[in-house]
């Protein structure tokens, strides 16, 4: 828990309400600030994650902000949900349609790609996503 909380705080979040499954996890969350810095160090975890998911979006939104306002992480998440089932899901399509900016709005400026720690080809994916969702 300390590593997760520290990661979120390092992203600029000022308030965290962690979910817990039992009293031990609740106490661990309360004890966060009493933990030594070494217990809050998440660098080893990120190295493992980065190796396993390189090229795949994990919806972390490090790529943000988008020049034209696309919520890249949410667009990618909906794309995975839509393509994972093999059929068009009307609920997922409606959720996508309710977004304020679509994959088709991507102007291929490239601002997002250098910020992605997982080297996702975001511009290429936006083109594919626009084809799947129709805009």
Protein backbone atom coordinates (compact mmCIF):
# COMPACT_ATOMS: atom_id res chain seq x y z
CA UNK A 1 0.00 0.00 0.00
CA UNK A 2 2.71 2.59 0.78
CA UNK A 3 4.20 2.24 -2.70
CA UNK A 4 0.82 2.74 -4.38
CA UNK A 5 -0.05 5.76 -2.28
CA UNK A 6 3.34 7.36 -2.90
CA UNK A 7 3.01 6.83 -6.65
CA UNK A 8 -0.38 8.54 -6.71
CA UNK A 9 0.90 11.45 -4.62
CA UNK A 10 3.88 11.85 -6.94
CA UNK A 11 1.49 12.33 -9.86
CA UNK A 12 0.22 15.56 -8.31
CA UNK A 13 -2.85 14.17 -6.58
CA UNK A 14 -3.44 15.90 -3.26
CA UNK A 15 -6.10 13.66 -1.73
CA UNK A 16 -6.30 9.88 -1.71
CA UNK A 17 -9.04 7.63 -0.40
CA UNK A 18 -7.66 4.11 -0.74
CA UNK A 19 -9.93 1.11 -0.85
CA UNK A 20 -9.26 -1.55 1.75
CA UNK A 21 -10.40 -5.14 2.20
CA UNK A 22 -9.71 -5.55 5.90
CA UNK A 23 -8.55 -3.79 9.05
CA UNK A 24 -4.88 -4.54 8.37
CA UNK A 25 -5.03 -2.71 5.04
CA UNK A 26 -6.91 0.13 6.69
CA UNK A 27 -4.20 0.46 9.34
CA UNK A 28 -1.46 0.29 6.68
CA UNK A 29 -3.10 3.19 4.85
CA UNK A 30 -3.33 5.21 8.06
CA UNK A 31 0.33 4.51 8.83
CA UNK A 32 1.51 5.74 5.43
CA UNK A 33 3.27 8.88 6.67
CA UNK A 34 5.07 6.95 9.41
CA UNK A 35 6.62 4.60 6.84
CA UNK A 36 10.28 5.17 5.96
CA UNK A 37 11.00 6.47 2.47
CA UNK A 38 12.35 3.06 1.47
CA UNK A 39 8.96 1.47 2.16
CA UNK A 40 7.29 4.04 -0.11
CA UNK A 41 9.78 3.59 -2.97
CA UNK A 42 7.90 2.23 -5.99
CA UNK A 43 10.74 2.35 -8.55
CA UNK A 44 11.25 -1.42 -8.51
CA UNK A 45 7.58 -1.99 -9.17
CA UNK A 46 7.56 0.38 -12.15
CA UNK A 47 10.57 -1.35 -13.71
CA UNK A 48 8.72 -4.68 -13.60
CA UNK A 49 5.51 -3.19 -14.98
CA UNK A 50 7.32 -1.31 -17.74
CA UNK A 51 9.00 -4.48 -18.98
CA UNK A 52 5.77 -6.47 -19.02
CA UNK A 53 3.54 -3.90 -20.73
CA UNK A 54 5.87 -2.03 -23.06
CA UNK A 55 3.83 -0.92 -26.08
CA UNK A 56 0.50 -1.36 -24.28
CA UNK A 57 -1.57 1.44 -22.80
CA UNK A 58 -2.15 1.09 -19.05
CA UNK A 59 -4.39 4.21 -18.94
CA UNK A 60 -1.96 6.09 -16.69
CA UNK A 61 -2.51 9.37 -18.59
CA UNK A 62 1.16 10.35 -18.47
CA UNK A 63 0.59 11.22 -22.14
CA UNK A 64 -1.79 14.03 -21.17
CA UNK A 65 -2.61 16.79 -21.79
CA UNK A 66 -3.77 16.26 -25.35
CA UNK A 67 -3.54 19.31 -27.60
CA UNK A 68 -7.14 18.84 -28.78
CA UNK A 69 -8.58 17.56 -25.50
CA UNK A 70 -8.78 13.82 -26.17
CA UNK A 71 -8.92 11.77 -22.97
CA UNK A 72 -6.33 9.36 -24.38
CA UNK A 73 -6.44 6.88 -21.51
CA UNK A 74 -10.24 6.60 -21.63
CA UNK A 75 -10.29 6.29 -25.42
CA UNK A 76 -7.68 3.52 -25.23
CA UNK A 77 -9.60 1.76 -22.43
CA UNK A 78 -12.86 1.80 -24.39
CA UNK A 79 -11.02 0.53 -27.47
CA UNK A 80 -9.66 -2.46 -25.53
CA UNK A 81 -13.10 -3.19 -24.11
CA UNK A 82 -14.72 -2.96 -27.53
CA UNK A 83 -12.17 -5.09 -29.36
CA UNK A 84 -11.70 -7.62 -26.54
CA UNK A 85 -15.18 -9.05 -26.82
CA UNK A 86 -15.18 -9.57 -30.57
CA UNK A 87 -18.58 -7.90 -31.01
CA UNK A 88 -19.78 -4.32 -31.02
CA UNK A 89 -21.10 -3.47 -27.58
CA UNK A 90 -23.74 -0.72 -27.70
CA UNK A 91 -22.97 0.41 -24.13
CA UNK A 92 -19.26 0.87 -24.91
CA UNK A 93 -20.12 2.66 -28.16
CA UNK A 94 -22.50 4.98 -26.28
CA UNK A 95 -19.83 5.68 -23.64
CA UNK A 96 -17.37 6.56 -26.39
CA UNK A 97 -19.95 8.70 -28.20
CA UNK A 98 -20.48 10.71 -25.00
CA UNK A 99 -16.79 11.78 -24.84
CA UNK A 100 -16.02 15.43 -25.54
CA UNK A 101 -13.28 14.57 -28.06
CA UNK A 102 -12.80 11.47 -30.19
CA UNK A 103 -9.87 9.56 -31.67
CA UNK A 104 -10.73 11.10 -35.03
CA UNK A 105 -10.00 14.53 -33.53
CA UNK A 106 -6.31 13.58 -33.22
CA UNK A 107 -4.17 15.98 -35.26
CA UNK A 108 -1.06 13.76 -35.00
CA UNK A 109 0.91 16.54 -33.32
CA UNK A 110 2.99 13.95 -31.46
CA UNK A 111 3.04 15.79 -28.11
CA UNK A 112 1.68 12.73 -26.29
CA UNK A 113 4.03 10.02 -27.50
CA UNK A 114 7.28 11.22 -25.85
CA UNK A 115 5.44 11.43 -22.51
CA UNK A 116 4.26 7.81 -22.65
CA UNK A 117 6.51 5.69 -20.42
CA UNK A 118 5.31 2.54 -22.24
CA UNK A 119 6.14 3.70 -25.79
CA UNK A 120 2.60 3.26 -27.04
CA UNK A 121 2.20 4.37 -30.69
CA UNK A 122 -0.65 6.68 -29.72
CA UNK A 123 -1.11 8.41 -33.08
CA UNK A 124 -1.33 5.07 -34.90
CA UNK A 125 -3.78 3.75 -32.29
CA UNK A 126 -5.98 6.84 -32.59
CA UNK A 127 -6.38 6.10 -36.31
CA UNK A 128 -7.39 2.49 -35.60
CA UNK A 129 -9.74 3.55 -32.81
CA UNK A 130 -11.46 6.11 -35.07
CA UNK A 131 -12.12 3.32 -37.59
CA UNK A 132 -13.60 0.99 -34.95
CA UNK A 133 -15.86 3.61 -33.33
CA UNK A 134 -16.73 5.47 -36.53
CA UNK A 135 -15.23 8.79 -35.41
